[in-house]
Amino acid sequence: MSELVFGLDTFGDVPEDDSGKPLSHAAAIRQVVDEAVLADDLGVDVIALGEHHRPEYSVSTPETVLAGIATRTSRIRLSSGVTVLSSDDPVRVFQRFATVDALSNGRAEVILGRGSFTESFPLFGYDLADYDVLFEERIELFAKLLDEQPVTWSGTTRAPLTDADVFPKTESGRLTTWVGVGGSPQSVVRTARYGLPLMLAIIGGAPERFAPYIDLYRRAADQLGTTAHPVGMHSPGFVADTDEKAKELFWPYYRVMRDRIGALRGWPPIRRQEFDSEVEHGSLYIGSPETVARRMAAAIKGLGVGRFDLIYTAGAQPVSARMRAVELYGSRVIPMVRDILAS
């Protein structure tokens, strides 16, 4: 297997300061930049920022924040996690990420997704009845744009293009592009059809249940004659000095956020025993560096993935705890995972 890649992922959750007061959205964005700079200093491979349009989250335009991070970092890769392509224009998405790529000397990546949240659709004037066709047409166009040649394209959801040349070009000639998938076999096969890397959002249950999707991706790529790249996964978690401290810092804020979103989706309130079960056996990587490293290594080995991104914010955890989580992930968890897998 090629060198394992380790990332951190956030939606820019609005945190509290150490007195318990929520930060402003502006301060929360600056906080994300500070966390990315720390991650860069510690050798974390990727920082991924997810697009959301809700009051709990500060990042609605990942590429804008990534551009700011680009000017303060030197080596960390700069990714979205994800960009909701269905409610955006593929040409503009390409242009913005190509610009981040220029500012960062080739470190930009985009993870395209359909979006598990739907706030962007009415916000930008799209009909949720077109959810599937919007993504299907937009990823088709985006795949053409990746060749960085004049594009001719037509569909039903935007104006056609005829020999349209799009700028800026990237220096490498190709923008690194993934597709984020939450568990739809059709989405896995579509990703293979375009020969793009697959990023699995594994946010609940035992990670091993996603093994069939990885197998499907590889089989589909083989049958379609495209490339099956190393698969990535991202899952939520939190690192603190001890298991007890990590749970104490994570649970109350996670419960509030989970129940607020769950109420919109018809989920019952989460119970503490469900949370503890996810921490022990599921897809919440919460605990001391040793505990998180052990569980991450097991998931990476069990699924055979080439990249693991930890979603290190889920609610309003205090700023100081978030910085400590980033510090422990970069300085201790990643080296431990590498050691466990090497042995």
C-alpha atoms as a PDB file:
ATOM      1  CA  MET A   1       0.000   0.000   0.000  1.00  0.00           C
ATOM      2  CA  SER A   2       1.142   3.544  -0.724  1.00  0.00           C
ATOM      3  CA  GLU A   3       1.880   5.894   2.146  1.00  0.00           C
ATOM      4  CA  LEU A   4      -1.117   6.381   4.418  1.00  0.00           C
ATOM      5  CA  VAL A   5      -2.621   9.862   4.466  1.00  0.00           C
ATOM      6  CA  PHE A   6      -4.072  11.410   7.630  1.00  0.00           C
ATOM      7  CA  GLY A   7      -6.381  14.407   7.657  1.00  0.00           C
ATOM      8  CA  LEU A   8      -8.522  16.576   9.892  1.00  0.00           C
ATOM      9  CA  ASP A   9     -12.024  17.548   8.854  1.00  0.00           C
ATOM     10  CA  THR A  10     -14.325  20.299  10.160  1.00  0.00           C
ATOM     11  CA  PHE A  11     -17.452  22.203   9.192  1.00  0.00           C
ATOM     12  CA  GLY A  12     -16.255  25.147  11.256  1.00  0.00           C
ATOM     13  CA  ASP A  13     -18.591  24.339  14.156  1.00  0.00           C
ATOM     14  CA  VAL A  14     -19.039  27.516  16.196  1.00  0.00           C
ATOM     15  CA  PRO A  15     -17.118  26.826  19.441  1.00  0.00           C
ATOM     16  CA  GLU A  16     -17.293  28.349  22.884  1.00  0.00           C
ATOM     17  CA  ASP A  17     -14.505  30.272  24.502  1.00  0.00           C
ATOM     18  CA  ASP A  18     -13.268  28.979  27.851  1.00  0.00           C
ATOM     19  CA  SER A  19     -15.890  31.033  29.705  1.00  0.00           C
ATOM     20  CA  GLY A  20     -18.688  29.218  27.842  1.00  0.00           C
ATOM     21  CA  LYS A  21     -19.564  32.076  25.472  1.00  0.00           C
ATOM     22  CA  PRO A  22     -20.099  31.144  21.776  1.00  0.00           C
ATOM     23  CA  LEU A  23     -17.718  32.743  19.312  1.00  0.00           C
ATOM     24  CA  SER A  24     -19.048  34.840  16.445  1.00  0.00           C
ATOM     25  CA  HIS A  25     -19.086  33.236  13.012  1.00  0.00           C
ATOM     26  CA  ALA A  26     -16.171  35.467  12.025  1.00  0.00           C
ATOM     27  CA  ALA A  27     -14.110  34.419  15.048  1.00  0.00           C
ATOM     28  CA  ALA A  28     -15.000  30.772  14.406  1.00  0.00           C
ATOM     29  CA  ILE A  29     -13.606  31.033  10.866  1.00  0.00           C
ATOM     30  CA  ARG A  30     -10.372  32.562  12.189  1.00  0.00           C
ATOM     31  CA  GLN A  31     -10.220  29.738  14.729  1.00  0.00           C
ATOM     32  CA  VAL A  32     -10.374  27.153  11.933  1.00  0.00           C
ATOM     33  CA  VAL A  33      -7.440  28.898  10.253  1.00  0.00           C
ATOM     34  CA  ASP A  34      -5.443  28.762  13.506  1.00  0.00           C
ATOM     35  CA  GLU A  35      -6.201  25.033  13.854  1.00  0.00           C
ATOM     36  CA  ALA A  36      -5.076  24.412  10.272  1.00  0.00           C
ATOM     37  CA  VAL A  37      -1.816  26.264  10.901  1.00  0.00           C
ATOM     38  CA  LEU A  38      -1.189  24.094  13.973  1.00  0.00           C
ATOM     39  CA  ALA A  39      -1.996  20.953  11.968  1.00  0.00           C
ATOM     40  CA  ASP A  40       0.461  22.066   9.285  1.00  0.00           C
ATOM     41  CA  ASP A  41       3.184  22.590  11.906  1.00  0.00           C
ATOM     42  CA  LEU A  42       2.546  19.095  13.329  1.00  0.00           C
ATOM     43  CA  GLY A  43       2.742  17.268  10.020  1.00  0.00           C
ATOM     44  CA  VAL A  44      -0.954  16.441   9.487  1.00  0.00           C
ATOM     45  CA  ASP A  45      -1.361  15.660   5.778  1.00  0.00           C
ATOM     46  CA  VAL A  46      -4.732  17.279   4.971  1.00  0.00           C
ATOM     47  CA  ILE A  47      -7.188  19.826   6.346  1.00  0.00           C
ATOM     48  CA  ALA A  48     -10.701  19.404   4.918  1.00  0.00           C
ATOM     49  CA  LEU A  49     -13.485  21.968   5.342  1.00  0.00           C
ATOM     50  CA  GLY A  50     -17.123  21.052   4.746  1.00  0.00           C
ATOM     51  CA  GLU A  51     -19.723  23.353   3.214  1.00  0.00           C
ATOM     52  CA  HIS A  52     -22.794  24.087   5.326  1.00  0.00           C
ATOM     53  CA  HIS A  53     -25.457  26.777   5.482  1.00  0.00           C
ATOM     54  CA  ARG A  54     -26.681  26.420   9.067  1.00  0.00           C
ATOM     55  CA  PRO A  55     -26.198  28.579  12.182  1.00  0.00           C
ATOM     56  CA  GLU A  56     -24.121  25.931  14.003  1.00  0.00           C
ATOM     57  CA  TYR A  57     -21.412  26.066  11.339  1.00  0.00           C
ATOM     58  CA  SER A  58     -19.209  28.934  10.170  1.00  0.00           C
ATOM     59  CA  VAL A  59     -17.848  27.553   6.878  1.00  0.00           C
ATOM     60  CA  SER A  60     -20.192  28.090   3.919  1.00  0.00           C
ATOM     61  CA  THR A  61     -17.440  28.589   1.313  1.00  0.00           C
ATOM     62  CA  PRO A  62     -14.628  26.125   2.072  1.00  0.00           C
ATOM     63  CA  GLU A  63     -12.396  27.382  -0.736  1.00  0.00           C
ATOM     64  CA  THR A  64     -12.403  30.939   0.649  1.00  0.00           C
ATOM     65  CA  VAL A  65     -11.189  29.752   4.042  1.00  0.00           C
ATOM     66  CA  LEU A  66      -8.729  27.378   2.375  1.00  0.00           C
ATOM     67  CA  ALA A  67      -7.295  30.325   0.444  1.00  0.00           C
ATOM     68  CA  GLY A  68      -6.644  32.057   3.758  1.00  0.00           C
ATOM     69  CA  ILE A  69      -5.051  28.906   5.146  1.00  0.00           C
ATOM     70  CA  ALA A  70      -2.903  28.626   1.999  1.00  0.00           C
ATOM     71  CA  THR A  71      -1.177  31.903   2.802  1.00  0.00           C
ATOM     72  CA  ARG A  72      -0.235  30.775   6.340  1.00  0.00           C
ATOM     73  CA  THR A  73       0.850  27.177   5.704  1.00  0.00           C
ATOM     74  CA  SER A  74       3.529  25.481   3.653  1.00  0.00           C
ATOM     75  CA  ARG A  75       2.810  21.774   3.258  1.00  0.00           C
ATOM     76  CA  ILE A  76      -0.651  20.643   4.397  1.00  0.00           C
ATOM     77  CA  ARG A  77      -3.096  19.733   1.619  1.00  0.00           C
ATOM     78  CA  LEU A  78      -6.187  21.929   1.414  1.00  0.00           C
ATOM     79  CA  SER A  79      -9.436  20.108   0.749  1.00  0.00           C
ATOM     80  CA  SER A  80     -13.158  20.590   0.893  1.00  0.00           C
ATOM     81  CA  GLY A  81     -15.094  18.001   2.813  1.00  0.00           C
ATOM     82  CA  VAL A  82     -17.452  18.277   0.924  1.00  0.00           C
ATOM     83  CA  THR A  83     -18.365  20.840  -1.727  1.00  0.00           C
ATOM     84  CA  VAL A  84     -22.083  20.520  -2.503  1.00  0.00           C
ATOM     85  CA  LEU A  85     -21.742  20.415  -6.289  1.00  0.00           C
ATOM     86  CA  SER A  86     -25.491  19.942  -6.885  1.00  0.00           C
ATOM     87  CA  SER A  87     -26.297  23.498  -5.800  1.00  0.00           C
ATOM     88  CA  ASP A  88     -23.201  25.174  -7.248  1.00  0.00           C
ATOM     89  CA  ASP A  89     -21.867  25.826 -10.726  1.00  0.00           C
ATOM     90  CA  PRO A  90     -19.156  23.364 -11.799  1.00  0.00           C
ATOM     91  CA  VAL A  91     -17.241  25.999 -13.758  1.00  0.00           C
ATOM     92  CA  ARG A  92     -17.075  28.330 -10.777  1.00  0.00           C
ATOM     93  CA  VAL A  93     -16.158  25.491  -8.412  1.00  0.00           C
ATOM     94  CA  PHE A  94     -13.292  24.526 -10.694  1.00  0.00           C
ATOM     95  CA  GLN A  95     -12.109  28.136 -11.001  1.00  0.00           C
ATOM     96  CA  ARG A  96     -12.173  28.737  -7.260  1.00  0.00           C
ATOM     97  CA  PHE A  97     -10.273  25.561  -6.395  1.00  0.00           C
ATOM     98  CA  ALA A  98      -7.777  26.145  -9.208  1.00  0.00           C
ATOM     99  CA  THR A  99      -7.176  29.546  -7.598  1.00  0.00           C
ATOM    100  CA  VAL A 100      -6.590  27.927  -4.190  1.00  0.00           C
ATOM    101  CA  ASP A 101      -4.224  25.522  -5.962  1.00  0.00           C
ATOM    102  CA  ALA A 102      -2.259  28.481  -7.305  1.00  0.00           C
ATOM    103  CA  LEU A 103      -2.084  30.240  -3.935  1.00  0.00           C
ATOM    104  CA  SER A 104      -0.899  27.044  -2.225  1.00  0.00           C
ATOM    105  CA  ASN A 105       1.616  25.881  -4.826  1.00  0.00           C
ATOM    106  CA  GLY A 106      -0.455  22.872  -5.855  1.00  0.00           C
ATOM    107  CA  ARG A 107      -1.945  21.753  -2.530  1.00  0.00           C
ATOM    108  CA  ALA A 108      -5.670  22.121  -3.320  1.00  0.00           C
ATOM    109  CA  GLU A 109      -8.129  19.236  -3.453  1.00  0.00           C
ATOM    110  CA  VAL A 110     -11.897  19.184  -3.874  1.00  0.00           C
ATOM    111  CA  ILE A 111     -14.247  16.503  -2.552  1.00  0.00           C
ATOM    112  CA  LEU A 112     -17.504  16.686  -4.472  1.00  0.00           C
ATOM    113  CA  GLY A 113     -20.751  15.556  -2.874  1.00  0.00           C
ATOM    114  CA  ARG A 114     -24.515  15.625  -3.224  1.00  0.00           C
ATOM    115  CA  GLY A 115     -24.872  16.913   0.322  1.00  0.00           C
ATOM    116  CA  SER A 116     -26.542  15.198   3.269  1.00  0.00           C
ATOM    117  CA  PHE A 117     -27.876  18.618   4.297  1.00  0.00           C
ATOM    118  CA  THR A 118     -30.271  20.358   1.927  1.00  0.00           C
ATOM    119  CA  GLU A 119     -30.234  24.014   3.038  1.00  0.00           C
ATOM    120  CA  SER A 120     -28.218  25.071  -0.024  1.00  0.00           C
ATOM    121  CA  PHE A 121     -30.947  24.010  -2.472  1.00  0.00           C
ATOM    122  CA  PRO A 122     -33.652  26.562  -1.550  1.00  0.00           C
ATOM    123  CA  LEU A 123     -30.965  29.117  -0.671  1.00  0.00           C
ATOM    124  CA  PHE A 124     -29.635  29.113  -4.243  1.00  0.00           C
ATOM    125  CA  GLY A 125     -32.951  28.482  -5.980  1.00  0.00           C
ATOM    126  CA  TYR A 126     -32.766  24.757  -6.741  1.00  0.00           C
ATOM    127  CA  ASP A 127     -35.626  22.282  -6.480  1.00  0.00           C
ATOM    128  CA  LEU A 128     -34.996  19.240  -4.279  1.00  0.00           C
ATOM    129  CA  ALA A 129     -37.069  17.267  -6.784  1.00  0.00           C
ATOM    130  CA  ASP A 130     -34.024  17.656  -9.083  1.00  0.00           C
ATOM    131  CA  TYR A 131     -31.599  16.320  -6.423  1.00  0.00           C
ATOM    132  CA  ASP A 132     -30.371  13.390  -8.546  1.00  0.00           C
ATOM    133  CA  VAL A 133     -30.251  15.022 -11.973  1.00  0.00           C
ATOM    134  CA  LEU A 134     -28.455  18.091 -10.600  1.00  0.00           C
ATOM    135  CA  PHE A 135     -25.552  16.015  -9.317  1.00  0.00           C
ATOM    136  CA  GLU A 136     -25.460  13.674 -12.307  1.00  0.00           C
ATOM    137  CA  GLU A 137     -25.180  16.548 -14.790  1.00  0.00           C
ATOM    138  CA  ARG A 138     -22.812  18.646 -12.712  1.00  0.00           C
ATOM    139  CA  ILE A 139     -20.317  15.873 -12.040  1.00  0.00           C
ATOM    140  CA  GLU A 140     -20.361  15.007 -15.747  1.00  0.00           C
ATOM    141  CA  LEU A 141     -19.416  18.598 -16.546  1.00  0.00           C
ATOM    142  CA  PHE A 142     -16.857  18.795 -13.742  1.00  0.00           C
ATOM    143  CA  ALA A 143     -15.137  15.622 -14.996  1.00  0.00           C
ATOM    144  CA  LYS A 144     -14.739  17.286 -18.404  1.00  0.00           C
ATOM    145  CA  LEU A 145     -13.318  20.433 -16.807  1.00  0.00           C
ATOM    146  CA  LEU A 146     -10.612  18.373 -15.095  1.00  0.00           C
ATOM    147  CA  ASP A 147      -8.944  17.767 -18.477  1.00  0.00           C
ATOM    148  CA  GLU A 148      -8.326  21.541 -18.661  1.00  0.00           C
ATOM    149  CA  GLN A 149      -9.219  21.627 -22.358  1.00  0.00           C
ATOM    150  CA  PRO A 150     -12.030  23.542 -24.102  1.00  0.00           C
ATOM    151  CA  VAL A 151     -15.342  22.001 -23.040  1.00  0.00           C
ATOM    152  CA  THR A 152     -18.499  21.334 -25.012  1.00  0.00           C
ATOM    153  CA  TRP A 153     -21.400  20.213 -22.839  1.00  0.00           C
ATOM    154  CA  SER A 154     -25.165  20.412 -22.647  1.00  0.00           C
ATOM    155  CA  GLY A 155     -27.730  19.398 -20.050  1.00  0.00           C
ATOM    156  CA  THR A 156     -30.991  20.472 -18.465  1.00  0.00           C
ATOM    157  CA  THR A 157     -29.765  22.255 -15.308  1.00  0.00           C
ATOM    158  CA  ARG A 158     -27.470  24.997 -16.644  1.00  0.00           C
ATOM    159  CA  ALA A 159     -26.648  26.751 -19.909  1.00  0.00           C
ATOM    160  CA  PRO A 160     -24.733  24.673 -22.486  1.00  0.00           C
ATOM    161  CA  LEU A 161     -21.060  25.254 -23.238  1.00  0.00           C
ATOM    162  CA  THR A 162     -19.418  25.205 -26.661  1.00  0.00           C
ATOM    163  CA  ASP A 163     -15.611  25.046 -26.792  1.00  0.00           C
ATOM    164  CA  ALA A 164     -15.507  26.964 -23.515  1.00  0.00           C
ATOM    165  CA  ASP A 165     -11.989  27.404 -22.155  1.00  0.00           C
ATOM    166  CA  VAL A 166     -11.895  27.808 -18.375  1.00  0.00           C
ATOM    167  CA  PHE A 167      -9.233  29.680 -16.390  1.00  0.00           C
ATOM    168  CA  PRO A 168      -7.071  29.598 -14.383  1.00  0.00           C
ATOM    169  CA  LYS A 169      -5.383  26.367 -15.332  1.00  0.00           C
ATOM    170  CA  THR A 170      -3.523  24.445 -12.630  1.00  0.00           C
ATOM    171  CA  GLU A 171       0.248  24.177 -12.849  1.00  0.00           C
ATOM    172  CA  SER A 172       0.076  20.379 -12.554  1.00  0.00           C
ATOM    173  CA  GLY A 173      -2.561  20.125 -15.273  1.00  0.00           C
ATOM    174  CA  ARG A 174      -5.111  18.363 -13.072  1.00  0.00           C
ATOM    175  CA  LEU A 175      -6.954  19.358  -9.912  1.00  0.00           C
ATOM    176  CA  THR A 176      -7.052  16.548  -7.337  1.00  0.00           C
ATOM    177  CA  THR A 177     -10.732  15.606  -7.105  1.00  0.00           C
ATOM    178  CA  TRP A 178     -12.546  13.067  -4.906  1.00  0.00           C
ATOM    179  CA  VAL A 179     -16.195  12.120  -4.613  1.00  0.00           C
ATOM    180  CA  GLY A 180     -17.700  11.886  -1.129  1.00  0.00           C
ATOM    181  CA  VAL A 181     -20.220   9.053  -0.721  1.00  0.00           C
ATOM    182  CA  GLY A 182     -22.427   8.285   2.269  1.00  0.00           C
ATOM    183  CA  GLY A 183     -23.532   4.774   1.423  1.00  0.00           C
ATOM    184  CA  SER A 184     -25.309   4.657  -1.957  1.00  0.00           C
ATOM    185  CA  PRO A 185     -24.126   1.853  -4.289  1.00  0.00           C
ATOM    186  CA  GLN A 186     -25.122   3.993  -7.288  1.00  0.00           C
ATOM    187  CA  SER A 187     -22.843   6.782  -6.051  1.00  0.00           C
ATOM    188  CA  VAL A 188     -19.964   4.321  -5.673  1.00  0.00           C
ATOM    189  CA  VAL A 189     -20.381   3.057  -9.243  1.00  0.00           C
ATOM    190  CA  ARG A 190     -20.669   6.633 -10.556  1.00  0.00           C
ATOM    191  CA  THR A 191     -17.386   7.527  -8.850  1.00  0.00           C
ATOM    192  CA  ALA A 192     -15.706   4.525 -10.466  1.00  0.00           C
ATOM    193  CA  ARG A 193     -17.184   5.453 -13.851  1.00  0.00           C
ATOM    194  CA  TYR A 194     -15.384   8.796 -13.772  1.00  0.00           C
ATOM    195  CA  GLY A 195     -12.171   7.242 -12.467  1.00  0.00           C
ATOM    196  CA  LEU A 196     -12.161   9.488  -9.379  1.00  0.00           C
ATOM    197  CA  PRO A 197     -11.012   8.609  -5.842  1.00  0.00           C
ATOM    198  CA  LEU A 198     -13.742   7.587  -3.383  1.00  0.00           C
ATOM    199  CA  MET A 199     -14.137   9.177   0.066  1.00  0.00           C
ATOM    200  CA  LEU A 200     -16.534   7.293   2.348  1.00  0.00           C
ATOM    201  CA  ALA A 201     -18.442   9.200   5.022  1.00  0.00           C
ATOM    202  CA  ILE A 202     -18.615   6.637   7.830  1.00  0.00           C
ATOM    203  CA  ILE A 203     -20.429   8.413  10.639  1.00  0.00           C
ATOM    204  CA  GLY A 204     -22.213   5.596  12.451  1.00  0.00           C
ATOM    205  CA  GLY A 205     -22.077   1.863  13.028  1.00  0.00           C
ATOM    206  CA  ALA A 206     -19.180  -0.524  12.626  1.00  0.00           C
ATOM    207  CA  PRO A 207     -16.808   0.668   9.888  1.00  0.00           C
ATOM    208  CA  GLU A 208     -16.523  -2.885   8.532  1.00  0.00           C
ATOM    209  CA  ARG A 209     -20.028  -2.618   7.086  1.00  0.00           C
ATOM    210  CA  PHE A 210     -18.577  -0.353   4.386  1.00  0.00           C
ATOM    211  CA  ALA A 211     -16.235  -3.063   3.077  1.00  0.00           C
ATOM    212  CA  PRO A 212     -18.744  -4.092   0.348  1.00  0.00           C
ATOM    213  CA  TYR A 213     -18.730  -0.519  -1.007  1.00  0.00           C
ATOM    214  CA  ILE A 214     -14.943  -0.570  -1.350  1.00  0.00           C
ATOM    215  CA  ASP A 215     -15.147  -3.937  -3.089  1.00  0.00           C
ATOM    216  CA  LEU A 216     -17.889  -2.571  -5.387  1.00  0.00           C
ATOM    217  CA  TYR A 217     -15.741   0.460  -6.243  1.00  0.00           C
ATOM    218  CA  ARG A 218     -12.797  -1.734  -7.227  1.00  0.00           C
ATOM    219  CA  ARG A 219     -14.921  -4.181  -9.214  1.00  0.00           C
ATOM    220  CA  ALA A 220     -16.743  -1.359 -11.010  1.00  0.00           C
ATOM    221  CA  ALA A 221     -13.483   0.374 -11.922  1.00  0.00           C
ATOM    222  CA  ASP A 222     -12.125  -2.910 -13.272  1.00  0.00           C
ATOM    223  CA  GLN A 223     -15.229  -3.543 -15.382  1.00  0.00           C
ATOM    224  CA  LEU A 224     -15.409   0.057 -16.629  1.00  0.00           C
ATOM    225  CA  GLY A 225     -11.697   0.216 -17.424  1.00  0.00           C
ATOM    226  CA  THR A 226     -11.003   3.130 -15.079  1.00  0.00           C
ATOM    227  CA  THR A 227      -8.564   3.518 -12.168  1.00  0.00           C
ATOM    228  CA  ALA A 228      -9.461   2.360  -8.652  1.00  0.00           C
ATOM    229  CA  HIS A 229      -7.571   4.782  -6.428  1.00  0.00           C
ATOM    230  CA  PRO A 230      -6.825   4.205  -2.726  1.00  0.00           C
ATOM    231  CA  VAL A 231     -10.110   4.793  -0.887  1.00  0.00           C
ATOM    232  CA  GLY A 232     -10.438   7.356   1.895  1.00  0.00           C
ATOM    233  CA  MET A 233     -12.754   7.457   4.894  1.00  0.00           C
ATOM    234  CA  HIS A 234     -13.792  10.211   7.256  1.00  0.00           C
ATOM    235  CA  SER A 235     -15.392   9.708  10.643  1.00  0.00           C
ATOM    236  CA  PRO A 236     -16.076  11.861  13.712  1.00  0.00           C
ATOM    237  CA  GLY A 237     -13.951  11.775  16.828  1.00  0.00           C
ATOM    238  CA  PHE A 238     -12.162  13.765  19.483  1.00  0.00           C
ATOM    239  CA  VAL A 239      -8.810  13.394  21.220  1.00  0.00           C
ATOM    240  CA  ALA A 240      -8.023  14.482  24.792  1.00  0.00           C
ATOM    241  CA  ASP A 241      -5.431  13.462  27.360  1.00  0.00           C
ATOM    242  CA  THR A 242      -7.598  10.647  28.780  1.00  0.00           C
ATOM    243  CA  ASP A 243     -10.613   8.639  27.613  1.00  0.00           C
ATOM    244  CA  GLU A 244     -12.761  10.162  30.347  1.00  0.00           C
ATOM    245  CA  LYS A 245     -11.732  13.730  29.489  1.00  0.00           C
ATOM    246  CA  ALA A 246     -12.454  13.183  25.794  1.00  0.00           C
ATOM    247  CA  LYS A 247     -15.974  11.878  26.480  1.00  0.00           C
ATOM    248  CA  GLU A 248     -16.646  14.647  29.007  1.00  0.00           C
ATOM    249  CA  LEU A 249     -15.632  17.309  26.464  1.00  0.00           C
ATOM    250  CA  PHE A 250     -17.438  15.735  23.523  1.00  0.00           C
ATOM    251  CA  TRP A 251     -20.734  14.244  24.732  1.00  0.00           C
ATOM    252  CA  PRO A 252     -22.759  17.274  25.963  1.00  0.00           C
ATOM    253  CA  TYR A 253     -22.069  19.359  22.859  1.00  0.00           C
ATOM    254  CA  TYR A 254     -22.470  16.391  20.514  1.00  0.00           C
ATOM    255  CA  ARG A 255     -25.845  15.531  22.093  1.00  0.00           C
ATOM    256  CA  VAL A 256     -27.183  19.050  21.523  1.00  0.00           C
ATOM    257  CA  MET A 257     -26.018  19.110  17.895  1.00  0.00           C
ATOM    258  CA  ARG A 258     -27.155  15.543  17.154  1.00  0.00           C
ATOM    259  CA  ASP A 259     -30.637  16.082  18.624  1.00  0.00           C
ATOM    260  CA  ARG A 260     -31.107  19.421  16.862  1.00  0.00           C
ATOM    261  CA  ILE A 261     -30.369  17.842  13.471  1.00  0.00           C
ATOM    262  CA  GLY A 262     -32.173  14.624  14.421  1.00  0.00           C
ATOM    263  CA  ALA A 263     -35.368  16.521  15.157  1.00  0.00           C
ATOM    264  CA  LEU A 264     -35.405  17.733  11.545  1.00  0.00           C
ATOM    265  CA  ARG A 265     -34.901  14.192  10.255  1.00  0.00           C
ATOM    266  CA  GLY A 266     -37.316  12.349  12.511  1.00  0.00           C
ATOM    267  CA  TRP A 267     -34.690  10.689  14.704  1.00  0.00           C
ATOM    268  CA  PRO A 268     -35.369  10.045  18.403  1.00  0.00           C
ATOM    269  CA  PRO A 269     -33.111  11.848  20.907  1.00  0.00           C
ATOM    270  CA  ILE A 270     -29.744  10.108  21.312  1.00  0.00           C
ATOM    271  CA  ARG A 271     -29.232   8.196  24.560  1.00  0.00           C
ATOM    272  CA  ARG A 272     -25.953   8.026  26.434  1.00  0.00           C
ATOM    273  CA  GLN A 273     -25.728   4.241  25.997  1.00  0.00           C
ATOM    274  CA  GLU A 274     -25.959   4.665  22.201  1.00  0.00           C
ATOM    275  CA  PHE A 275     -23.127   7.169  22.351  1.00  0.00           C
ATOM    276  CA  ASP A 276     -20.982   4.882  24.522  1.00  0.00           C
ATOM    277  CA  SER A 277     -21.617   1.980  22.145  1.00  0.00           C
ATOM    278  CA  GLU A 278     -20.498   4.063  19.150  1.00  0.00           C
ATOM    279  CA  VAL A 279     -17.349   5.051  21.036  1.00  0.00           C
ATOM    280  CA  GLU A 280     -16.566   1.426  21.888  1.00  0.00           C
ATOM    281  CA  HIS A 281     -17.584  -0.383  18.693  1.00  0.00           C
ATOM    282  CA  GLY A 282     -18.831   2.091  16.085  1.00  0.00           C
ATOM    283  CA  SER A 283     -17.564   5.128  14.227  1.00  0.00           C
ATOM    284  CA  LEU A 284     -16.883   7.657  16.988  1.00  0.00           C
ATOM    285  CA  TYR A 285     -13.106   7.787  17.533  1.00  0.00           C
ATOM    286  CA  ILE A 286     -13.095   9.408  20.966  1.00  0.00           C
ATOM    287  CA  GLY A 287     -10.540   9.042  23.736  1.00  0.00           C
ATOM    288  CA  SER A 288      -6.895   9.338  24.634  1.00  0.00           C
ATOM    289  CA  PRO A 289      -4.286   9.266  21.846  1.00  0.00           C
ATOM    290  CA  GLU A 290      -3.688   5.573  22.547  1.00  0.00           C
ATOM    291  CA  THR A 291      -7.384   4.670  22.333  1.00  0.00           C
ATOM    292  CA  VAL A 292      -8.045   6.703  19.189  1.00  0.00           C
ATOM    293  CA  ALA A 293      -4.897   5.374  17.494  1.00  0.00           C
ATOM    294  CA  ARG A 294      -5.820   1.769  18.261  1.00  0.00           C
ATOM    295  CA  ARG A 295      -9.343   2.149  16.891  1.00  0.00           C
ATOM    296  CA  MET A 296      -8.213   4.080  13.819  1.00  0.00           C
ATOM    297  CA  ALA A 297      -5.592   1.451  13.027  1.00  0.00           C
ATOM    298  CA  ALA A 298      -8.211  -1.289  13.294  1.00  0.00           C
ATOM    299  CA  ALA A 299     -10.538   0.534  10.882  1.00  0.00           C
ATOM    300  CA  ILE A 300      -7.770   1.307   8.394  1.00  0.00           C
ATOM    301  CA  LYS A 301      -6.563  -2.288   8.449  1.00  0.00           C
ATOM    302  CA  GLY A 302     -10.059  -3.755   8.337  1.00  0.00           C
ATOM    303  CA  LEU A 303     -11.126  -1.710   5.327  1.00  0.00           C
ATOM    304  CA  GLY A 304      -7.780  -1.369   3.588  1.00  0.00           C
ATOM    305  CA  VAL A 305      -8.187   2.391   3.092  1.00  0.00           C
ATOM    306  CA  GLY A 306      -5.371   4.741   2.131  1.00  0.00           C
ATOM    307  CA  ARG A 307      -6.605   7.849   3.917  1.00  0.00           C
ATOM    308  CA  PHE A 308      -8.327   8.615   7.217  1.00  0.00           C
ATOM    309  CA  ASP A 309      -9.778  12.050   7.968  1.00  0.00           C
ATOM    310  CA  LEU A 310     -10.943  12.654  11.538  1.00  0.00           C
ATOM    311  CA  ILE A 311     -13.929  15.019  11.820  1.00  0.00           C
ATOM    312  CA  TYR A 312     -12.559  16.652  14.955  1.00  0.00           C
ATOM    313  CA  THR A 313     -15.442  19.055  15.692  1.00  0.00           C
ATOM    314  CA  ALA A 314     -19.052  18.096  16.427  1.00  0.00           C
ATOM    315  CA  GLY A 315     -20.704  20.846  18.384  1.00  0.00           C
ATOM    316  CA  ALA A 316     -19.428  23.766  20.430  1.00  0.00           C
ATOM    317  CA  GLN A 317     -16.430  22.164  22.170  1.00  0.00           C
ATOM    318  CA  PRO A 318     -14.285  24.920  23.743  1.00  0.00           C
ATOM    319  CA  VAL A 319     -11.496  26.467  21.687  1.00  0.00           C
ATOM    320  CA  SER A 320      -8.753  25.277  24.046  1.00  0.00           C
ATOM    321  CA  ALA A 321     -10.023  21.683  23.876  1.00  0.00           C
ATOM    322  CA  ARG A 322     -10.138  21.812  20.086  1.00  0.00           C
ATOM    323  CA  MET A 323      -6.578  23.078  19.854  1.00  0.00           C
ATOM    324  CA  ARG A 324      -5.461  20.322  22.219  1.00  0.00           C
ATOM    325  CA  ALA A 325      -7.297  17.742  20.096  1.00  0.00           C
ATOM    326  CA  VAL A 326      -5.469  18.921  16.961  1.00  0.00           C
ATOM    327  CA  GLU A 327      -2.162  18.900  18.842  1.00  0.00           C
ATOM    328  CA  LEU A 328      -2.637  15.344  20.133  1.00  0.00           C
ATOM    329  CA  TYR A 329      -3.840  14.042  16.769  1.00  0.00           C
ATOM    330  CA  GLY A 330      -0.814  15.405  14.924  1.00  0.00           C
ATOM    331  CA  SER A 331       1.888  14.775  17.515  1.00  0.00           C
ATOM    332  CA  ARG A 332       0.744  11.444  18.967  1.00  0.00           C
ATOM    333  CA  VAL A 333      -2.170   9.733  17.230  1.00  0.00           C
ATOM    334  CA  ILE A 334      -0.776   9.707  13.692  1.00  0.00           C
ATOM    335  CA  PRO A 335       2.675   8.364  14.701  1.00  0.00           C
ATOM    336  CA  MET A 336       1.007   5.688  16.866  1.00  0.00           C
ATOM    337  CA  VAL A 337      -1.272   4.544  14.037  1.00  0.00           C
ATOM    338  CA  ARG A 338       1.697   4.273  11.697  1.00  0.00           C
ATOM    339  CA  ASP A 339       3.607   2.238  14.312  1.00  0.00           C
ATOM    340  CA  ILE A 340       0.659  -0.109  14.976  1.00  0.00           C
ATOM    341  CA  LEU A 341       0.137  -0.793  11.275  1.00  0.00           C
ATOM    342  CA  ALA A 342       3.860  -1.229  10.642  1.00  0.00           C
ATOM    343  CA  SER A 343       4.089  -3.897  13.353  1.00  0.00           C
END
